[in-house]
């Protein structure tokens, strides 16, 4: 008998569980009971209710983690039936972690990439108070390879947020098709005020053998300490100079 089998046949009477599953003031055993009932029910309403558990945090942290993991398993066990609710939750959620974790369990890597690209297509490059979700989506592309990524991410080289630009560079350089963004990368590098973003770009130029010959004079003025240009516009790193590496979205 599985974790949720004992609660099979919940069917009706879900209202109190829908309300209680994400209620921080409810007793621990009550929320746990609701998670199990909803997981066993498997209806669209139940799955959507389970997903709301990821929007709240309860004390102690060990309880919060146990309940979220149970909600995760409850959603995942419904497979493709959970896709619609999870995609809606991904679109509305302020964070990427849990919905992405669920998608990885119920979809192929290509399908997950498609969903993330669709999500990114709805985002813009203007200022926003909290761009963390956009940062997480773009940073995730550093770990994926897909011929669609370069075109989708290139416009974010000009995002208003410096961290978004930093990860946009990394996502592009991680792709086999990165050459397609060379002109845009060069234009962005010449306009970039952030030293760490320029360093990440220039490291990409070095790794890929790209040159800045056509804009050598202008580019030479944008070289951070430890970087120089050769006669043909090739980027060089001096001993002990530069290198920010390919850090993850939550690196210090």
Protein backbone atom coordinates (compact mmCIF):
# COMPACT_ATOMS: atom_id res chain seq x y z
CA UNK A 1 0.00 0.00 0.00
CA UNK A 2 1.40 3.38 -1.03
CA UNK A 3 1.70 6.48 1.07
CA UNK A 4 -1.62 7.86 -0.11
CA UNK A 5 -3.56 4.66 -0.83
CA UNK A 6 -5.27 4.57 2.53
CA UNK A 7 -7.06 7.80 1.61
CA UNK A 8 -8.33 6.72 -1.78
CA UNK A 9 -11.87 7.59 -2.65
CA UNK A 10 -11.87 11.09 -1.17
CA UNK A 11 -14.00 12.38 -4.05
CA UNK A 12 -16.39 14.90 -2.55
CA UNK A 13 -15.97 16.89 0.60
CA UNK A 14 -12.69 18.42 -0.49
CA UNK A 15 -13.57 21.97 0.53
CA UNK A 16 -12.07 21.86 4.02
CA UNK A 17 -8.89 20.25 2.73
CA UNK A 18 -8.54 22.79 -0.08
CA UNK A 19 -8.78 25.53 2.52
CA UNK A 20 -6.62 23.89 5.16
CA UNK A 21 -3.67 22.53 3.15
CA UNK A 22 -1.92 25.93 3.00
CA UNK A 23 -3.25 27.33 6.26
CA UNK A 24 -0.26 28.21 8.45
CA UNK A 25 -2.51 28.37 11.51
CA UNK A 26 -3.83 24.85 11.10
CA UNK A 27 -2.41 22.08 13.24
CA UNK A 28 0.38 20.05 11.68
CA UNK A 29 -1.62 16.83 11.69
CA UNK A 30 -4.56 18.61 10.06
CA UNK A 31 -2.48 19.92 7.16
CA UNK A 32 -0.87 16.51 6.77
CA UNK A 33 -4.28 14.87 6.64
CA UNK A 34 -5.38 17.35 3.98
CA UNK A 35 -2.25 16.76 1.89
CA UNK A 36 -2.91 13.02 1.89
CA UNK A 37 -6.60 13.35 1.07
CA UNK A 38 -5.93 15.75 -1.80
CA UNK A 39 -3.10 13.62 -3.17
CA UNK A 40 -5.32 10.56 -3.18
CA UNK A 41 -8.24 12.36 -4.80
CA UNK A 42 -6.25 13.22 -7.92
CA UNK A 43 -8.81 15.66 -9.32
CA UNK A 44 -7.86 18.93 -10.97
CA UNK A 45 -9.19 20.81 -7.94
CA UNK A 46 -7.18 18.65 -5.55
CA UNK A 47 -3.94 19.02 -7.50
CA UNK A 48 -4.33 22.79 -7.66
CA UNK A 49 -4.94 22.87 -3.91
CA UNK A 50 -1.82 20.80 -3.25
CA UNK A 51 0.23 23.28 -5.25
CA UNK A 52 -0.81 26.12 -2.93
CA UNK A 53 1.19 24.43 -0.16
CA UNK A 54 4.36 25.62 -1.88
CA UNK A 55 3.31 29.25 -1.43
CA UNK A 56 3.58 29.24 2.37
CA UNK A 57 6.28 28.44 4.91
CA UNK A 58 5.56 27.05 8.35
CA UNK A 59 7.66 26.51 11.45
CA UNK A 60 9.63 24.51 12.23
CA UNK A 61 11.51 24.23 8.94
CA UNK A 62 11.68 20.43 9.16
CA UNK A 63 7.87 20.30 9.21
CA UNK A 64 7.70 22.70 6.28
CA UNK A 65 10.07 20.52 4.28
CA UNK A 66 8.23 17.29 5.09
CA UNK A 67 4.87 18.72 4.10
CA UNK A 68 6.16 20.21 0.87
CA UNK A 69 7.82 16.96 -0.07
CA UNK A 70 4.57 15.10 0.59
CA UNK A 71 2.68 17.65 -1.55
CA UNK A 72 5.32 17.21 -4.26
CA UNK A 73 4.88 13.43 -4.27
CA UNK A 74 1.13 13.85 -4.26
CA UNK A 75 1.22 16.00 -7.38
CA UNK A 76 3.82 13.93 -9.22
CA UNK A 77 1.96 10.63 -8.75
CA UNK A 78 -0.82 12.02 -10.95
CA UNK A 79 1.55 12.29 -13.92
CA UNK A 80 0.20 14.00 -17.04
CA UNK A 81 -3.04 14.85 -15.25
CA UNK A 82 -1.04 17.33 -13.18
CA UNK A 83 0.47 19.15 -16.17
CA UNK A 84 -2.23 21.78 -16.60
CA UNK A 85 -2.35 22.78 -12.93
CA UNK A 86 1.45 22.78 -12.68
CA UNK A 87 1.85 24.99 -15.75
CA UNK A 88 -0.69 27.44 -14.34
CA UNK A 89 1.12 27.38 -11.01
CA UNK A 90 4.45 27.99 -12.75
CA UNK A 91 3.00 31.05 -14.47
CA UNK A 92 1.61 32.54 -11.25
CA UNK A 93 4.28 31.48 -8.77
CA UNK A 94 6.93 33.99 -7.70
CA UNK A 95 9.58 31.27 -7.66
CA UNK A 96 10.65 28.52 -10.01
CA UNK A 97 12.01 25.80 -7.74
CA UNK A 98 9.02 23.59 -6.88
CA UNK A 99 7.04 23.81 -10.12
CA UNK A 100 10.23 23.11 -12.10
CA UNK A 101 11.05 20.16 -9.85
CA UNK A 102 7.59 18.74 -10.52
CA UNK A 103 7.81 19.34 -14.28
CA UNK A 104 11.09 17.44 -14.42
CA UNK A 105 9.29 14.42 -13.00
CA UNK A 106 6.30 14.41 -15.34
CA UNK A 107 7.81 15.78 -18.59
CA UNK A 108 10.85 15.08 -20.76
CA UNK A 109 13.78 17.51 -20.72
CA UNK A 110 12.79 18.85 -24.14
CA UNK A 111 9.24 19.44 -22.95
CA UNK A 112 10.47 21.21 -19.83
CA UNK A 113 12.69 23.44 -21.95
CA UNK A 114 9.73 24.28 -24.18
CA UNK A 115 7.64 25.27 -21.16
CA UNK A 116 10.44 27.47 -19.80
CA UNK A 117 10.91 29.13 -23.19
CA UNK A 118 7.18 29.86 -23.35
CA UNK A 119 7.36 31.37 -19.88
CA UNK A 120 10.37 33.50 -20.82
CA UNK A 121 8.60 34.76 -23.95
CA UNK A 122 6.05 36.45 -21.70
CA UNK A 123 8.72 38.36 -19.76
CA UNK A 124 10.20 41.69 -20.81
CA UNK A 125 13.45 43.55 -20.28
CA UNK A 126 12.03 46.50 -18.36
CA UNK A 127 12.62 47.29 -14.70
CA UNK A 128 10.75 45.19 -12.17
CA UNK A 129 10.93 45.21 -8.40
CA UNK A 130 11.67 41.52 -8.05
CA UNK A 131 13.16 39.86 -11.15
CA UNK A 132 14.13 36.64 -9.33
CA UNK A 133 11.82 34.42 -11.33
CA UNK A 134 13.23 35.74 -14.60
CA UNK A 135 16.75 35.26 -13.25
CA UNK A 136 15.96 31.66 -12.30
CA UNK A 137 14.48 30.85 -15.72
CA UNK A 138 17.44 32.26 -17.62
CA UNK A 139 20.01 30.74 -15.24
CA UNK A 140 18.36 27.36 -15.74
CA UNK A 141 19.20 27.54 -19.44
CA UNK A 142 22.90 27.33 -18.54
CA UNK A 143 22.20 23.70 -17.66
CA UNK A 144 20.29 22.96 -20.86
CA UNK A 145 21.19 22.72 -24.52
CA UNK A 146 18.58 23.59 -27.10
CA UNK A 147 18.89 25.41 -30.43
CA UNK A 148 16.03 27.73 -29.44
CA UNK A 149 17.70 29.15 -26.34
CA UNK A 150 20.11 31.64 -27.92
CA UNK A 151 17.41 33.48 -29.85
CA UNK A 152 15.08 33.50 -26.85
CA UNK A 153 17.66 34.82 -24.39
CA UNK A 154 19.61 37.33 -26.53
CA UNK A 155 17.25 40.24 -25.89
CA UNK A 156 17.95 39.95 -22.17
CA UNK A 157 21.53 41.08 -22.75
CA UNK A 158 19.92 44.53 -22.58
CA UNK A 159 17.72 43.86 -19.55
CA UNK A 160 17.45 46.64 -16.96
CA UNK A 161 18.63 44.25 -14.24
CA UNK A 162 22.36 43.54 -14.03
CA UNK A 163 21.93 40.03 -12.66
CA UNK A 164 19.55 39.13 -15.50
CA UNK A 165 22.18 40.27 -17.99
CA UNK A 166 24.85 38.26 -16.17
CA UNK A 167 22.89 35.01 -16.51
CA UNK A 168 21.76 35.82 -20.05
CA UNK A 169 25.43 35.84 -21.04
CA UNK A 170 25.98 32.48 -19.34
CA UNK A 171 22.90 30.92 -20.94
CA UNK A 172 24.02 31.99 -24.41
CA UNK A 173 27.61 30.85 -23.98
CA UNK A 174 26.42 27.43 -22.81
CA UNK A 175 24.81 26.78 -26.20
CA UNK A 176 26.36 25.30 -29.33
CA UNK A 177 24.62 28.06 -31.30
CA UNK A 178 26.22 30.91 -29.30
CA UNK A 179 27.89 32.32 -32.44
CA UNK A 180 24.49 33.54 -33.57
CA UNK A 181 24.53 36.05 -30.72
CA UNK A 182 28.03 37.42 -31.36
CA UNK A 183 26.89 40.71 -32.88
CA UNK A 184 24.39 41.28 -30.07
CA UNK A 185 26.98 40.28 -27.46
CA UNK A 186 29.48 42.76 -28.86
CA UNK A 187 26.95 45.57 -28.92
CA UNK A 188 25.92 44.75 -25.35
CA UNK A 189 29.54 44.56 -24.17
CA UNK A 190 30.29 48.03 -25.49
CA UNK A 191 27.30 49.43 -23.60
CA UNK A 192 27.74 47.37 -20.43
CA UNK A 193 28.57 49.26 -17.23
CA UNK A 194 28.87 46.20 -14.97
CA UNK A 195 32.42 44.88 -14.70
CA UNK A 196 31.36 41.35 -13.77
CA UNK A 197 29.03 41.14 -16.79
CA UNK A 198 31.77 42.38 -19.11
CA UNK A 199 34.20 39.87 -17.63
CA UNK A 200 31.75 37.05 -18.23
CA UNK A 201 31.32 38.20 -21.81
CA UNK A 202 35.07 38.51 -22.39
CA UNK A 203 35.72 35.07 -20.95
CA UNK A 204 33.27 33.82 -23.56
CA UNK A 205 35.18 35.63 -26.29
CA UNK A 206 38.36 33.90 -25.14
CA UNK A 207 36.79 30.44 -24.90
CA UNK A 208 35.18 30.69 -28.32
CA UNK A 209 37.96 32.52 -30.11
CA UNK A 210 35.74 35.50 -30.92
CA UNK A 211 37.36 38.77 -31.93
CA UNK A 212 36.54 42.44 -31.52
CA UNK A 213 38.47 43.55 -34.58
CA UNK A 214 35.79 45.81 -36.09
CA UNK A 215 35.32 47.70 -32.83
CA UNK A 216 38.81 47.28 -31.41
CA UNK A 217 39.39 50.94 -30.52
CA UNK A 218 36.07 51.31 -28.74
CA UNK A 219 36.33 47.90 -27.09
CA UNK A 220 39.82 48.58 -25.76
CA UNK A 221 38.29 51.26 -23.53
CA UNK A 222 35.95 48.68 -21.97
CA UNK A 223 38.63 46.18 -20.97
CA UNK A 224 38.55 45.45 -17.22
CA UNK A 225 41.78 45.03 -15.27
CA UNK A 226 43.47 41.84 -16.41
CA UNK A 227 42.13 41.89 -19.98
CA UNK A 228 43.68 43.26 -23.16
CA UNK A 229 43.07 43.13 -26.90
CA UNK A 230 45.50 41.69 -29.42
CA UNK A 231 46.30 43.29 -32.77
CA UNK A 232 43.42 41.51 -34.49
CA UNK A 233 40.93 42.17 -31.72
CA UNK A 234 41.42 38.87 -29.91
CA UNK A 235 40.66 39.06 -26.20
CA UNK A 236 43.47 38.10 -23.86
CA UNK A 237 43.56 37.49 -20.15
CA UNK A 238 46.73 38.48 -18.34
CA UNK A 239 48.23 36.34 -15.61
CA UNK A 240 46.05 36.53 -12.49
CA UNK A 241 43.38 38.47 -14.32
CA UNK A 242 39.63 38.10 -14.60
CA UNK A 243 37.35 35.14 -14.70
CA UNK A 244 34.01 35.08 -12.92
CA UNK A 245 33.18 31.50 -13.84
CA UNK A 246 29.79 29.99 -14.54
CA UNK A 247 28.15 30.40 -11.17
CA UNK A 248 24.65 29.16 -10.43
CA UNK A 249 21.70 31.49 -9.74
CA UNK A 250 22.14 31.28 -5.98
CA UNK A 251 25.92 31.54 -5.78
CA UNK A 252 27.42 34.16 -3.51
